[in-house]
Amino acid sequence: MKWPMVKLKDCCQVIGGATPKRNNAEYWNSHDIPWVTPKDVSNLASPVLNDAPEYISKAGFKSCATYMLPAGSVLVTSRAPIGNIAITGKAMCTNQGFKSLIPGTGQCEVLDRGSISLTPL
């Protein structure tokens, strides 16, 4: 089977992340929203990321430009380590070290399989 070549912008949204201020304790140490960094996806046993080591509060979420990614989003690290890939198993946010892909309707399975086979150059 031959896959069509398409621009990412034609089959998904490309989203960046952000980090709430670390010096504001109100933004951290909650169990509200899973928050992921590139380090968190560097040694996954499975391509699906179902949890995060850190969580931000709703106030932390509102304080910065991070984005709530739905389950099934594809995370691609754009900062060290570069090129690691994971799929969100549930809704979560990332820091600015990712370009995250939110597949359009009907594209999720194709995008997931295609991106897992990518190898950084």
PDB file of N, CA and C in Angstrom:
ATOM      1  N   MET A   1       0.842  -1.169   0.000  1.00  0.00           N
ATOM      2  CA  MET A   1       0.000   0.000   0.000  1.00  0.00           C
ATOM      3  C   MET A   1       0.889   1.235   0.000  1.00  0.00           C
ATOM      4  N   LYS A   2       0.578   2.174  -0.852  1.00  0.00           N
ATOM      5  CA  LYS A   2       1.351   3.407  -0.923  1.00  0.00           C
ATOM      6  C   LYS A   2       0.585   4.521  -0.214  1.00  0.00           C
ATOM      7  N   TRP A   3       1.259   5.191   0.712  1.00  0.00           N
ATOM      8  CA  TRP A   3       0.639   6.279   1.455  1.00  0.00           C
ATOM      9  C   TRP A   3       0.797   7.576   0.672  1.00  0.00           C
ATOM     10  N   PRO A   4      -0.245   8.410   0.645  1.00  0.00           N
ATOM     11  CA  PRO A   4      -0.116   9.696  -0.047  1.00  0.00           C
ATOM     12  C   PRO A   4       0.776  10.640   0.755  1.00  0.00           C
ATOM     13  N   MET A   5       1.499  11.500   0.074  1.00  0.00           N
ATOM     14  CA  MET A   5       2.313  12.497   0.748  1.00  0.00           C
ATOM     15  C   MET A   5       1.462  13.753   0.904  1.00  0.00           C
ATOM     16  N   VAL A   6       1.311  14.203   2.137  1.00  0.00           N
ATOM     17  CA  VAL A   6       0.517  15.396   2.420  1.00  0.00           C
ATOM     18  C   VAL A   6       1.294  16.296   3.373  1.00  0.00           C
ATOM     19  N   LYS A   7       0.963  17.563   3.367  1.00  0.00           N
ATOM     20  CA  LYS A   7       1.553  18.491   4.329  1.00  0.00           C
ATOM     21  C   LYS A   7       0.875  18.274   5.671  1.00  0.00           C
ATOM     22  N   LEU A   8       1.646  18.343   6.742  1.00  0.00           N
ATOM     23  CA  LEU A   8       1.074  18.154   8.074  1.00  0.00           C
ATOM     24  C   LEU A   8      -0.081  19.111   8.333  1.00  0.00           C
ATOM     25  N   LYS A   9       0.038  20.347   7.882  1.00  0.00           N
ATOM     26  CA  LYS A   9      -1.022  21.329   8.128  1.00  0.00           C
ATOM     27  C   LYS A   9      -2.336  20.947   7.462  1.00  0.00           C
ATOM     28  N   ASP A  10      -2.283  20.034   6.472  1.00  0.00           N
ATOM     29  CA  ASP A  10      -3.497  19.601   5.790  1.00  0.00           C
ATOM     30  C   ASP A  10      -4.189  18.431   6.477  1.00  0.00           C
ATOM     31  N   CYS A  11      -3.540  17.804   7.436  1.00  0.00           N
ATOM     32  CA  CYS A  11      -4.172  16.661   8.111  1.00  0.00           C
ATOM     33  C   CYS A  11      -4.182  16.794   9.626  1.00  0.00           C
ATOM     34  N   CYS A  12      -3.584  17.859  10.158  1.00  0.00           N
ATOM     35  CA  CYS A  12      -3.574  18.018  11.613  1.00  0.00           C
ATOM     36  C   CYS A  12      -3.234  19.454  11.988  1.00  0.00           C
ATOM     37  N   GLN A  13      -3.460  19.768  13.253  1.00  0.00           N
ATOM     38  CA  GLN A  13      -2.991  21.027  13.819  1.00  0.00           C
ATOM     39  C   GLN A  13      -1.593  20.785  14.377  1.00  0.00           C
ATOM     40  N   VAL A  14      -0.697  21.738  14.199  1.00  0.00           N
ATOM     41  CA  VAL A  14       0.637  21.661  14.793  1.00  0.00           C
ATOM     42  C   VAL A  14       0.669  22.678  15.936  1.00  0.00           C
ATOM     43  N   ILE A  15       0.900  22.169  17.150  1.00  0.00           N
ATOM     44  CA  ILE A  15       0.775  22.974  18.366  1.00  0.00           C
ATOM     45  C   ILE A  15       2.090  22.968  19.140  1.00  0.00           C
ATOM     46  N   GLY A  16       2.454  24.102  19.708  1.00  0.00           N
ATOM     47  CA  GLY A  16       3.595  24.185  20.615  1.00  0.00           C
ATOM     48  C   GLY A  16       3.117  24.112  22.058  1.00  0.00           C
ATOM     49  N   GLY A  17       4.040  24.108  22.988  1.00  0.00           N
ATOM     50  CA  GLY A  17       3.693  24.065  24.406  1.00  0.00           C
ATOM     51  C   GLY A  17       4.312  25.233  25.142  1.00  0.00           C
ATOM     52  N   ALA A  18       4.193  25.222  26.459  1.00  0.00           N
ATOM     53  CA  ALA A  18       4.756  26.295  27.281  1.00  0.00           C
ATOM     54  C   ALA A  18       4.905  25.805  28.719  1.00  0.00           C
ATOM     55  N   THR A  19       5.650  26.577  29.497  1.00  0.00           N
ATOM     56  CA  THR A  19       5.905  26.245  30.899  1.00  0.00           C
ATOM     57  C   THR A  19       5.396  27.353  31.810  1.00  0.00           C
ATOM     58  N   PRO A  20       4.544  27.004  32.781  1.00  0.00           N
ATOM     59  CA  PRO A  20       4.171  28.006  33.788  1.00  0.00           C
ATOM     60  C   PRO A  20       5.404  28.395  34.609  1.00  0.00           C
ATOM     61  N   LYS A  21       5.384  29.564  35.201  1.00  0.00           N
ATOM     62  CA  LYS A  21       6.520  30.014  36.022  1.00  0.00           C
ATOM     63  C   LYS A  21       6.768  29.024  37.155  1.00  0.00           C
ATOM     64  N   ARG A  22       8.000  28.551  37.231  1.00  0.00           N
ATOM     65  CA  ARG A  22       8.373  27.569  38.253  1.00  0.00           C
ATOM     66  C   ARG A  22       8.364  28.159  39.663  1.00  0.00           C
ATOM     67  N   ASN A  23       8.573  29.460  39.774  1.00  0.00           N
ATOM     68  CA  ASN A  23       8.658  30.069  41.103  1.00  0.00           C
ATOM     69  C   ASN A  23       7.290  30.371  41.716  1.00  0.00           C
ATOM     70  N   ASN A  24       6.217  30.016  41.034  1.00  0.00           N
ATOM     71  CA  ASN A  24       4.875  30.198  41.581  1.00  0.00           C
ATOM     72  C   ASN A  24       4.320  28.829  41.976  1.00  0.00           C
ATOM     73  N   ALA A  25       4.358  28.524  43.259  1.00  0.00           N
ATOM     74  CA  ALA A  25       3.933  27.205  43.757  1.00  0.00           C
ATOM     75  C   ALA A  25       2.477  26.904  43.433  1.00  0.00           C
ATOM     76  N   GLU A  26       1.672  27.933  43.255  1.00  0.00           N
ATOM     77  CA  GLU A  26       0.255  27.743  42.919  1.00  0.00           C
ATOM     78  C   GLU A  26       0.087  27.030  41.567  1.00  0.00           C
ATOM     79  N   TYR A  27       1.083  27.141  40.704  1.00  0.00           N
ATOM     80  CA  TYR A  27       0.996  26.544  39.368  1.00  0.00           C
ATOM     81  C   TYR A  27       1.412  25.076  39.337  1.00  0.00           C
ATOM     82  N   TRP A  28       2.023  24.593  40.400  1.00  0.00           N
ATOM     83  CA  TRP A  28       2.606  23.249  40.421  1.00  0.00           C
ATOM     84  C   TRP A  28       2.086  22.434  41.599  1.00  0.00           C
ATOM     85  N   ASN A  29       2.485  21.171  41.628  1.00  0.00           N
ATOM     86  CA  ASN A  29       2.167  20.263  42.734  1.00  0.00           C
ATOM     87  C   ASN A  29       0.674  20.012  42.900  1.00  0.00           C
ATOM     88  N   SER A  30      -0.045  20.043  41.811  1.00  0.00           N
ATOM     89  CA  SER A  30      -1.460  19.683  41.846  1.00  0.00           C
ATOM     90  C   SER A  30      -1.606  18.366  41.089  1.00  0.00           C
ATOM     91  N   HIS A  31      -2.798  17.877  40.998  1.00  0.00           N
ATOM     92  CA  HIS A  31      -3.061  16.698  40.176  1.00  0.00           C
ATOM     93  C   HIS A  31      -4.104  17.039  39.120  1.00  0.00           C
ATOM     94  N   ASP A  32      -4.073  18.294  38.671  1.00  0.00           N
ATOM     95  CA  ASP A  32      -5.080  18.754  37.717  1.00  0.00           C
ATOM     96  C   ASP A  32      -4.785  18.318  36.281  1.00  0.00           C
ATOM     97  N   ILE A  33      -3.611  18.705  35.765  1.00  0.00           N
ATOM     98  CA  ILE A  33      -3.325  18.533  34.336  1.00  0.00           C
ATOM     99  C   ILE A  33      -1.944  17.910  34.149  1.00  0.00           C
ATOM    100  N   PRO A  34      -1.857  16.732  33.517  1.00  0.00           N
ATOM    101  CA  PRO A  34      -0.542  16.143  33.232  1.00  0.00           C
ATOM    102  C   PRO A  34       0.261  17.086  32.326  1.00  0.00           C
ATOM    103  N   TRP A  35       1.553  17.240  32.627  1.00  0.00           N
ATOM    104  CA  TRP A  35       2.425  18.157  31.890  1.00  0.00           C
ATOM    105  C   TRP A  35       3.724  17.424  31.568  1.00  0.00           C
ATOM    106  N   VAL A  36       4.105  17.412  30.292  1.00  0.00           N
ATOM    107  CA  VAL A  36       5.192  16.565  29.801  1.00  0.00           C
ATOM    108  C   VAL A  36       6.346  17.400  29.250  1.00  0.00           C
ATOM    109  N   THR A  37       7.577  16.913  29.465  1.00  0.00           N
ATOM    110  CA  THR A  37       8.779  17.504  28.879  1.00  0.00           C
ATOM    111  C   THR A  37       9.424  16.470  27.950  1.00  0.00           C
ATOM    112  N   PRO A  38      10.326  16.876  27.053  1.00  0.00           N
ATOM    113  CA  PRO A  38      10.983  15.907  26.173  1.00  0.00           C
ATOM    114  C   PRO A  38      11.672  14.767  26.923  1.00  0.00           C
ATOM    115  N   LYS A  39      12.226  15.054  28.082  1.00  0.00           N
ATOM    116  CA  LYS A  39      12.877  14.012  28.882  1.00  0.00           C
ATOM    117  C   LYS A  39      11.900  12.877  29.207  1.00  0.00           C
ATOM    118  N   ASP A  40      10.635  13.216  29.384  1.00  0.00           N
ATOM    119  CA  ASP A  40       9.629  12.232  29.787  1.00  0.00           C
ATOM    120  C   ASP A  40       9.295  11.213  28.696  1.00  0.00           C
ATOM    121  N   VAL A  41       9.636  11.504  27.452  1.00  0.00           N
ATOM    122  CA  VAL A  41       9.322  10.563  26.365  1.00  0.00           C
ATOM    123  C   VAL A  41      10.572   9.913  25.776  1.00  0.00           C
ATOM    124  N   SER A  42      11.725  10.145  26.384  1.00  0.00           N
ATOM    125  CA  SER A  42      12.972   9.652  25.796  1.00  0.00           C
ATOM    126  C   SER A  42      13.201   8.155  25.968  1.00  0.00           C
ATOM    127  N   ASN A  43      12.600   7.526  26.956  1.00  0.00           N
ATOM    128  CA  ASN A  43      12.829   6.092  27.175  1.00  0.00           C
ATOM    129  C   ASN A  43      11.532   5.339  27.446  1.00  0.00           C
ATOM    130  N   LEU A  44      10.518   5.600  26.664  1.00  0.00           N
ATOM    131  CA  LEU A  44       9.229   4.937  26.875  1.00  0.00           C
ATOM    132  C   LEU A  44       9.278   3.485  26.427  1.00  0.00           C
ATOM    133  N   ALA A  45       8.646   2.609  27.188  1.00  0.00           N
ATOM    134  CA  ALA A  45       8.547   1.196  26.808  1.00  0.00           C
ATOM    135  C   ALA A  45       7.480   1.009  25.737  1.00  0.00           C
ATOM    136  N   SER A  46       6.517   1.908  25.690  1.00  0.00           N
ATOM    137  CA  SER A  46       5.414   1.869  24.733  1.00  0.00           C
ATOM    138  C   SER A  46       5.316   3.249  24.094  1.00  0.00           C
ATOM    139  N   PRO A  47       4.839   3.352  22.861  1.00  0.00           N
ATOM    140  CA  PRO A  47       4.716   4.681  22.255  1.00  0.00           C
ATOM    141  C   PRO A  47       3.591   5.518  22.858  1.00  0.00           C
ATOM    142  N   VAL A  48       2.721   4.890  23.653  1.00  0.00           N
ATOM    143  CA  VAL A  48       1.591   5.612  24.239  1.00  0.00           C
ATOM    144  C   VAL A  48       1.966   6.126  25.627  1.00  0.00           C
ATOM    145  N   LEU A  49       1.791   7.414  25.821  1.00  0.00           N
ATOM    146  CA  LEU A  49       2.096   8.074  27.086  1.00  0.00           C
ATOM    147  C   LEU A  49       0.788   8.252  27.856  1.00  0.00           C
ATOM    148  N   ASN A  50       0.636   7.501  28.943  1.00  0.00           N
ATOM    149  CA  ASN A  50      -0.611   7.515  29.706  1.00  0.00           C
ATOM    150  C   ASN A  50      -0.567   8.362  30.966  1.00  0.00           C
ATOM    151  N   ASP A  51       0.604   8.847  31.342  1.00  0.00           N
ATOM    152  CA  ASP A  51       0.714   9.674  32.536  1.00  0.00           C
ATOM    153  C   ASP A  51       1.936  10.572  32.405  1.00  0.00           C
ATOM    154  N   ALA A  52       2.073  11.486  33.334  1.00  0.00           N
ATOM    155  CA  ALA A  52       3.206  12.409  33.332  1.00  0.00           C
ATOM    156  C   ALA A  52       3.790  12.481  34.739  1.00  0.00           C
ATOM    157  N   PRO A  53       5.101  12.684  34.850  1.00  0.00           N
ATOM    158  CA  PRO A  53       5.705  12.797  36.175  1.00  0.00           C
ATOM    159  C   PRO A  53       5.347  14.106  36.881  1.00  0.00           C
ATOM    160  N   GLU A  54       4.961  15.125  36.113  1.00  0.00           N
ATOM    161  CA  GLU A  54       4.588  16.409  36.709  1.00  0.00           C
ATOM    162  C   GLU A  54       3.183  16.799  36.273  1.00  0.00           C
ATOM    163  N   TYR A  55       2.533  17.539  37.145  1.00  0.00           N
ATOM    164  CA  TYR A  55       1.204  18.074  36.858  1.00  0.00           C
ATOM    165  C   TYR A  55       1.212  19.569  37.127  1.00  0.00           C
ATOM    166  N   ILE A  56       0.424  20.298  36.342  1.00  0.00           N
ATOM    167  CA  ILE A  56       0.236  21.719  36.602  1.00  0.00           C
ATOM    168  C   ILE A  56      -1.202  21.939  37.065  1.00  0.00           C
ATOM    169  N   SER A  57      -1.402  23.049  37.748  1.00  0.00           N
ATOM    170  CA  SER A  57      -2.747  23.392  38.216  1.00  0.00           C
ATOM    171  C   SER A  57      -3.520  24.086  37.093  1.00  0.00           C
ATOM    172  N   LYS A  58      -4.806  24.263  37.303  1.00  0.00           N
ATOM    173  CA  LYS A  58      -5.615  25.004  36.328  1.00  0.00           C
ATOM    174  C   LYS A  58      -5.116  26.439  36.220  1.00  0.00           C
ATOM    175  N   ALA A  59      -4.681  27.006  37.338  1.00  0.00           N
ATOM    176  CA  ALA A  59      -4.120  28.360  37.319  1.00  0.00           C
ATOM    177  C   ALA A  59      -2.828  28.394  36.506  1.00  0.00           C
ATOM    178  N   GLY A  60      -1.985  27.376  36.648  1.00  0.00           N
ATOM    179  CA  GLY A  60      -0.759  27.285  35.858  1.00  0.00           C
ATOM    180  C   GLY A  60      -1.056  27.172  34.374  1.00  0.00           C
ATOM    181  N   PHE A  61      -2.064  26.398  34.044  1.00  0.00           N
ATOM    182  CA  PHE A  61      -2.486  26.248  32.646  1.00  0.00           C
ATOM    183  C   PHE A  61      -2.903  27.599  32.067  1.00  0.00           C
ATOM    184  N   LYS A  62      -3.704  28.333  32.813  1.00  0.00           N
ATOM    185  CA  LYS A  62      -4.200  29.631  32.338  1.00  0.00           C
ATOM    186  C   LYS A  62      -3.096  30.684  32.261  1.00  0.00           C
ATOM    187  N   SER A  63      -2.008  30.489  33.005  1.00  0.00           N
ATOM    188  CA  SER A  63      -0.951  31.497  33.091  1.00  0.00           C
ATOM    189  C   SER A  63       0.021  31.485  31.913  1.00  0.00           C
ATOM    190  N   CYS A  64      -0.032  30.460  31.095  1.00  0.00           N
ATOM    191  CA  CYS A  64       0.962  30.353  30.018  1.00  0.00           C
ATOM    192  C   CYS A  64       0.289  29.889  28.724  1.00  0.00           C
ATOM    193  N   ALA A  65       1.068  29.760  27.683  1.00  0.00           N
ATOM    194  CA  ALA A  65       0.535  29.441  26.356  1.00  0.00           C
ATOM    195  C   ALA A  65       0.537  27.953  26.043  1.00  0.00           C
ATOM    196  N   THR A  66       0.519  27.102  27.068  1.00  0.00           N
ATOM    197  CA  THR A  66       0.434  25.674  26.784  1.00  0.00           C
ATOM    198  C   THR A  66      -0.966  25.353  26.273  1.00  0.00           C
ATOM    199  N   TYR A  67      -1.136  24.165  25.735  1.00  0.00           N
ATOM    200  CA  TYR A  67      -2.379  23.780  25.066  1.00  0.00           C
ATOM    201  C   TYR A  67      -2.801  22.412  25.577  1.00  0.00           C
ATOM    202  N   MET A  68      -4.090  22.220  25.804  1.00  0.00           N
ATOM    203  CA  MET A  68      -4.595  20.916  26.236  1.00  0.00           C
ATOM    204  C   MET A  68      -4.717  20.024  25.003  1.00  0.00           C
ATOM    205  N   LEU A  69      -3.828  19.050  24.927  1.00  0.00           N
ATOM    206  CA  LEU A  69      -3.808  18.122  23.796  1.00  0.00           C
ATOM    207  C   LEU A  69      -4.740  16.952  24.090  1.00  0.00           C
ATOM    208  N   PRO A  70      -5.593  16.584  23.155  1.00  0.00           N
ATOM    209  CA  PRO A  70      -6.485  15.448  23.403  1.00  0.00           C
ATOM    210  C   PRO A  70      -5.744  14.118  23.300  1.00  0.00           C
ATOM    211  N   ALA A  71      -6.346  13.079  23.848  1.00  0.00           N
ATOM    212  CA  ALA A  71      -5.804  11.725  23.668  1.00  0.00           C
ATOM    213  C   ALA A  71      -5.679  11.458  22.173  1.00  0.00           C
ATOM    214  N   GLY A  72      -4.607  10.776  21.785  1.00  0.00           N
ATOM    215  CA  GLY A  72      -4.368  10.472  20.378  1.00  0.00           C
ATOM    216  C   GLY A  72      -3.504  11.487  19.663  1.00  0.00           C
ATOM    217  N   SER A  73      -3.084  12.540  20.374  1.00  0.00           N
ATOM    218  CA  SER A  73      -2.172  13.518  19.774  1.00  0.00           C
ATOM    219  C   SER A  73      -0.783  12.902  19.674  1.00  0.00           C
ATOM    220  N   VAL A  74      -0.031  13.320  18.679  1.00  0.00           N
ATOM    221  CA  VAL A  74       1.326  12.815  18.478  1.00  0.00           C
ATOM    222  C   VAL A  74       2.304  13.884  18.952  1.00  0.00           C
ATOM    223  N   LEU A  75       3.154  13.517  19.908  1.00  0.00           N
ATOM    224  CA  LEU A  75       4.160  14.426  20.449  1.00  0.00           C
ATOM    225  C   LEU A  75       5.485  14.177  19.745  1.00  0.00           C
ATOM    226  N   VAL A  76       6.108  15.232  19.234  1.00  0.00           N
ATOM    227  CA  VAL A  76       7.416  15.130  18.582  1.00  0.00           C
ATOM    228  C   VAL A  76       8.339  16.116  19.284  1.00  0.00           C
ATOM    229  N   THR A  77       9.420  15.612  19.873  1.00  0.00           N
ATOM    230  CA  THR A  77      10.325  16.514  20.582  1.00  0.00           C
ATOM    231  C   THR A  77      11.104  17.368  19.591  1.00  0.00           C
ATOM    232  N   SER A  78      11.194  18.672  19.909  1.00  0.00           N
ATOM    233  CA  SER A  78      11.912  19.613  19.048  1.00  0.00           C
ATOM    234  C   SER A  78      13.106  20.234  19.770  1.00  0.00           C
ATOM    235  N   ARG A  79      13.330  19.813  21.009  1.00  0.00           N
ATOM    236  CA  ARG A  79      14.495  20.218  21.800  1.00  0.00           C
ATOM    237  C   ARG A  79      15.075  18.963  22.417  1.00  0.00           C
ATOM    238  N   ALA A  80      16.285  19.077  22.889  1.00  0.00           N
ATOM    239  CA  ALA A  80      17.004  17.900  23.384  1.00  0.00           C
ATOM    240  C   ALA A  80      16.169  17.096  24.367  1.00  0.00           C
ATOM    241  N   PRO A  81      16.067  15.821  24.147  1.00  0.00           N
ATOM    242  CA  PRO A  81      16.484  15.090  22.950  1.00  0.00           C
ATOM    243  C   PRO A  81      15.518  15.338  21.790  1.00  0.00           C
ATOM    244  N   ILE A  82      16.043  15.556  20.606  1.00  0.00           N
ATOM    245  CA  ILE A  82      15.252  15.900  19.422  1.00  0.00           C
ATOM    246  C   ILE A  82      14.797  14.642  18.694  1.00  0.00           C
ATOM    247  N   GLY A  83      13.538  14.647  18.239  1.00  0.00           N
ATOM    248  CA  GLY A  83      13.030  13.589  17.371  1.00  0.00           C
ATOM    249  C   GLY A  83      12.349  12.427  18.060  1.00  0.00           C
ATOM    250  N   ASN A  84      12.241  12.444  19.381  1.00  0.00           N
ATOM    251  CA  ASN A  84      11.497  11.379  20.052  1.00  0.00           C
ATOM    252  C   ASN A  84      10.005  11.594  19.847  1.00  0.00           C
ATOM    253  N   ILE A  85       9.273  10.487  19.803  1.00  0.00           N
ATOM    254  CA  ILE A  85       7.850  10.533  19.477  1.00  0.00           C
ATOM    255  C   ILE A  85       7.054   9.730  20.494  1.00  0.00           C
ATOM    256  N   ALA A  86       5.879  10.247  20.849  1.00  0.00           N
ATOM    257  CA  ALA A  86       4.942   9.527  21.715  1.00  0.00           C
ATOM    258  C   ALA A  86       3.529   9.916  21.296  1.00  0.00           C
ATOM    259  N   ILE A  87       2.576   9.113  21.718  1.00  0.00           N
ATOM    260  CA  ILE A  87       1.161   9.381  21.466  1.00  0.00           C
ATOM    261  C   ILE A  87       0.488   9.551  22.823  1.00  0.00           C
ATOM    262  N   THR A  88      -0.294  10.603  22.975  1.00  0.00           N
ATOM    263  CA  THR A  88      -0.969  10.823  24.251  1.00  0.00           C
ATOM    264  C   THR A  88      -2.088   9.804  24.440  1.00  0.00           C
ATOM    265  N   GLY A  89      -2.071   9.136  25.587  1.00  0.00           N
ATOM    266  CA  GLY A  89      -3.122   8.185  25.920  1.00  0.00           C
ATOM    267  C   GLY A  89      -4.302   8.853  26.596  1.00  0.00           C
ATOM    268  N   LYS A  90      -4.099  10.096  27.045  1.00  0.00           N
ATOM    269  CA  LYS A  90      -5.165  10.899  27.646  1.00  0.00           C
ATOM    270  C   LYS A  90      -4.809  12.363  27.423  1.00  0.00           C
ATOM    271  N   ALA A  91      -5.711  13.261  27.744  1.00  0.00           N
ATOM    272  CA  ALA A  91      -5.456  14.687  27.567  1.00  0.00           C
ATOM    273  C   ALA A  91      -4.293  15.122  28.452  1.00  0.00           C
ATOM    274  N   MET A  92      -3.396  15.937  27.899  1.00  0.00           N
ATOM    275  CA  MET A  92      -2.249  16.452  28.646  1.00  0.00           C
ATOM    276  C   MET A  92      -1.670  17.664  27.945  1.00  0.00           C
ATOM    277  N   CYS A  93      -0.766  18.352  28.635  1.00  0.00           N
ATOM    278  CA  CYS A  93      -0.069  19.523  28.105  1.00  0.00           C
ATOM    279  C   CYS A  93       1.421  19.221  28.001  1.00  0.00           C
ATOM    280  N   THR A  94       2.118  20.035  27.212  1.00  0.00           N
ATOM    281  CA  THR A  94       3.566  19.883  27.081  1.00  0.00           C
ATOM    282  C   THR A  94       4.256  21.225  27.310  1.00  0.00           C
ATOM    283  N   ASN A  95       5.561  21.144  27.496  1.00  0.00           N
ATOM    284  CA  ASN A  95       6.341  22.371  27.524  1.00  0.00           C
ATOM    285  C   ASN A  95       6.698  22.761  26.090  1.00  0.00           C
ATOM    286  N   GLN A  96       7.538  23.778  25.952  1.00  0.00           N
ATOM    287  CA  GLN A  96       7.893  24.309  24.637  1.00  0.00           C
ATOM    288  C   GLN A  96       8.873  23.423  23.866  1.00  0.00           C
ATOM    289  N   GLY A  97       9.250  22.292  24.413  1.00  0.00           N
ATOM    290  CA  GLY A  97      10.181  21.379  23.753  1.00  0.00           C
ATOM    291  C   GLY A  97       9.516  20.408  22.792  1.00  0.00           C
ATOM    292  N   PHE A  98       8.266  20.665  22.443  1.00  0.00           N
ATOM    293  CA  PHE A  98       7.534  19.782  21.528  1.00  0.00           C
ATOM    294  C   PHE A  98       6.878  20.563  20.402  1.00  0.00           C
ATOM    295  N   LYS A  99       6.667  19.887  19.301  1.00  0.00           N
ATOM    296  CA  LYS A  99       5.682  20.251  18.295  1.00  0.00           C
ATOM    297  C   LYS A  99       4.709  19.088  18.333  1.00  0.00           C
ATOM    298  N   SER A 100       3.495  19.356  18.742  1.00  0.00           N
ATOM    299  CA  SER A 100       2.491  18.303  18.895  1.00  0.00           C
ATOM    300  C   SER A 100       1.518  18.351  17.733  1.00  0.00           C
ATOM    301  N   LEU A 101       1.120  17.188  17.278  1.00  0.00           N
ATOM    302  CA  LEU A 101       0.235  17.060  16.124  1.00  0.00           C
ATOM    303  C   LEU A 101      -1.116  16.541  16.593  1.00  0.00           C
ATOM    304  N   ILE A 102      -2.157  17.323  16.343  1.00  0.00           N
ATOM    305  CA  ILE A 102      -3.516  16.895  16.666  1.00  0.00           C
ATOM    306  C   ILE A 102      -4.166  16.484  15.354  1.00  0.00           C
ATOM    307  N   PRO A 103      -4.342  15.178  15.156  1.00  0.00           N
ATOM    308  CA  PRO A 103      -4.888  14.696  13.883  1.00  0.00           C
ATOM    309  C   PRO A 103      -6.300  15.208  13.639  1.00  0.00           C
ATOM    310  N   GLY A 104      -6.609  15.433  12.351  1.00  0.00           N
ATOM    311  CA  GLY A 104      -7.969  15.790  11.966  1.00  0.00           C
ATOM    312  C   GLY A 104      -8.843  14.549  11.977  1.00  0.00           C
ATOM    313  N   THR A 105     -10.132  14.734  11.805  1.00  0.00           N
ATOM    314  CA  THR A 105     -11.082  13.623  11.812  1.00  0.00           C
ATOM    315  C   THR A 105     -10.678  12.558  10.805  1.00  0.00           C
ATOM    316  N   GLY A 106     -10.609  11.315  11.270  1.00  0.00           N
ATOM    317  CA  GLY A 106     -10.293  10.195  10.392  1.00  0.00           C
ATOM    318  C   GLY A 106      -8.822  10.009  10.089  1.00  0.00           C
ATOM    319  N   GLN A 107      -7.969  10.900  10.575  1.00  0.00           N
ATOM    320  CA  GLN A 107      -6.544  10.838  10.254  1.00  0.00           C
ATOM    321  C   GLN A 107      -5.703  10.217  11.361  1.00  0.00           C
ATOM    322  N   CYS A 108      -6.274  10.036  12.536  1.00  0.00           N
ATOM    323  CA  CYS A 108      -5.487   9.646  13.710  1.00  0.00           C
ATOM    324  C   CYS A 108      -4.701   8.364  13.495  1.00  0.00           C
ATOM    325  N   GLU A 109      -5.344   7.315  13.032  1.00  0.00           N
ATOM    326  CA  GLU A 109      -4.660   6.029  12.873  1.00  0.00           C
ATOM    327  C   GLU A 109      -3.525   6.134  11.858  1.00  0.00           C
ATOM    328  N   VAL A 110      -3.772   6.804  10.760  1.00  0.00           N
ATOM    329  CA  VAL A 110      -2.739   6.962   9.732  1.00  0.00           C
ATOM    330  C   VAL A 110      -1.577   7.771  10.280  1.00  0.00           C
ATOM    331  N   LEU A 111      -1.862   8.874  10.946  1.00  0.00           N
ATOM    332  CA  LEU A 111      -0.804   9.724  11.485  1.00  0.00           C
ATOM    333  C   LEU A 111      -0.006   8.988  12.555  1.00  0.00           C
ATOM    334  N   ASP A 112      -0.684   8.260  13.443  1.00  0.00           N
ATOM    335  CA  ASP A 112       0.019   7.516  14.488  1.00  0.00           C
ATOM    336  C   ASP A 112       0.993   6.512  13.892  1.00  0.00           C
ATOM    337  N   ARG A 113       0.525   5.696  12.970  1.00  0.00           N
ATOM    338  CA  ARG A 113       1.391   4.666  12.382  1.00  0.00           C
ATOM    339  C   ARG A 113       2.538   5.279  11.598  1.00  0.00           C
ATOM    340  N   GLY A 114       2.251   6.337  10.869  1.00  0.00           N
ATOM    341  CA  GLY A 114       3.293   6.986  10.088  1.00  0.00           C
ATOM    342  C   GLY A 114       4.341   7.635  10.957  1.00  0.00           C
ATOM    343  N   SER A 115       3.925   8.286  12.020  1.00  0.00           N
ATOM    344  CA  SER A 115       4.890   9.007  12.843  1.00  0.00           C
ATOM    345  C   SER A 115       5.734   8.070  13.696  1.00  0.00           C
ATOM    346  N   ILE A 116       5.188   6.951  14.099  1.00  0.00           N
ATOM    347  CA  ILE A 116       5.971   6.011  14.903  1.00  0.00           C
ATOM    348  C   ILE A 116       7.134   5.457  14.091  1.00  0.00           C
ATOM    349  N   SER A 117       6.976   5.386  12.785  1.00  0.00           N
ATOM    350  CA  SER A 117       8.040   4.838  11.957  1.00  0.00           C
ATOM    351  C   SER A 117       9.091   5.886  11.588  1.00  0.00           C
ATOM    352  N   LEU A 118       8.894   7.148  11.978  1.00  0.00           N
ATOM    353  CA  LEU A 118       9.880   8.180  11.682  1.00  0.00           C
ATOM    354  C   LEU A 118      11.147   7.961  12.486  1.00  0.00           C
ATOM    355  N   THR A 119      12.272   8.224  11.881  1.00  0.00           N
ATOM    356  CA  THR A 119      13.554   8.151  12.566  1.00  0.00           C
ATOM    357  C   THR A 119      14.252   9.488  12.375  1.00  0.00           C
ATOM    358  N   PRO A 120      14.705  10.130  13.448  1.00  0.00           N
ATOM    359  CA  PRO A 120      15.403  11.405  13.284  1.00  0.00           C
ATOM    360  C   PRO A 120      16.664  11.232  12.441  1.00  0.00           C
ATOM    361  N   LEU A 121      16.964  12.236  11.646  1.00  0.00           N
ATOM    362  CA  LEU A 121      18.169  12.202  10.802  1.00  0.00           C
ATOM    363  C   LEU A 121      19.387  12.584  11.606  1.00  0.00           C
TER     364      LEU A 121
END
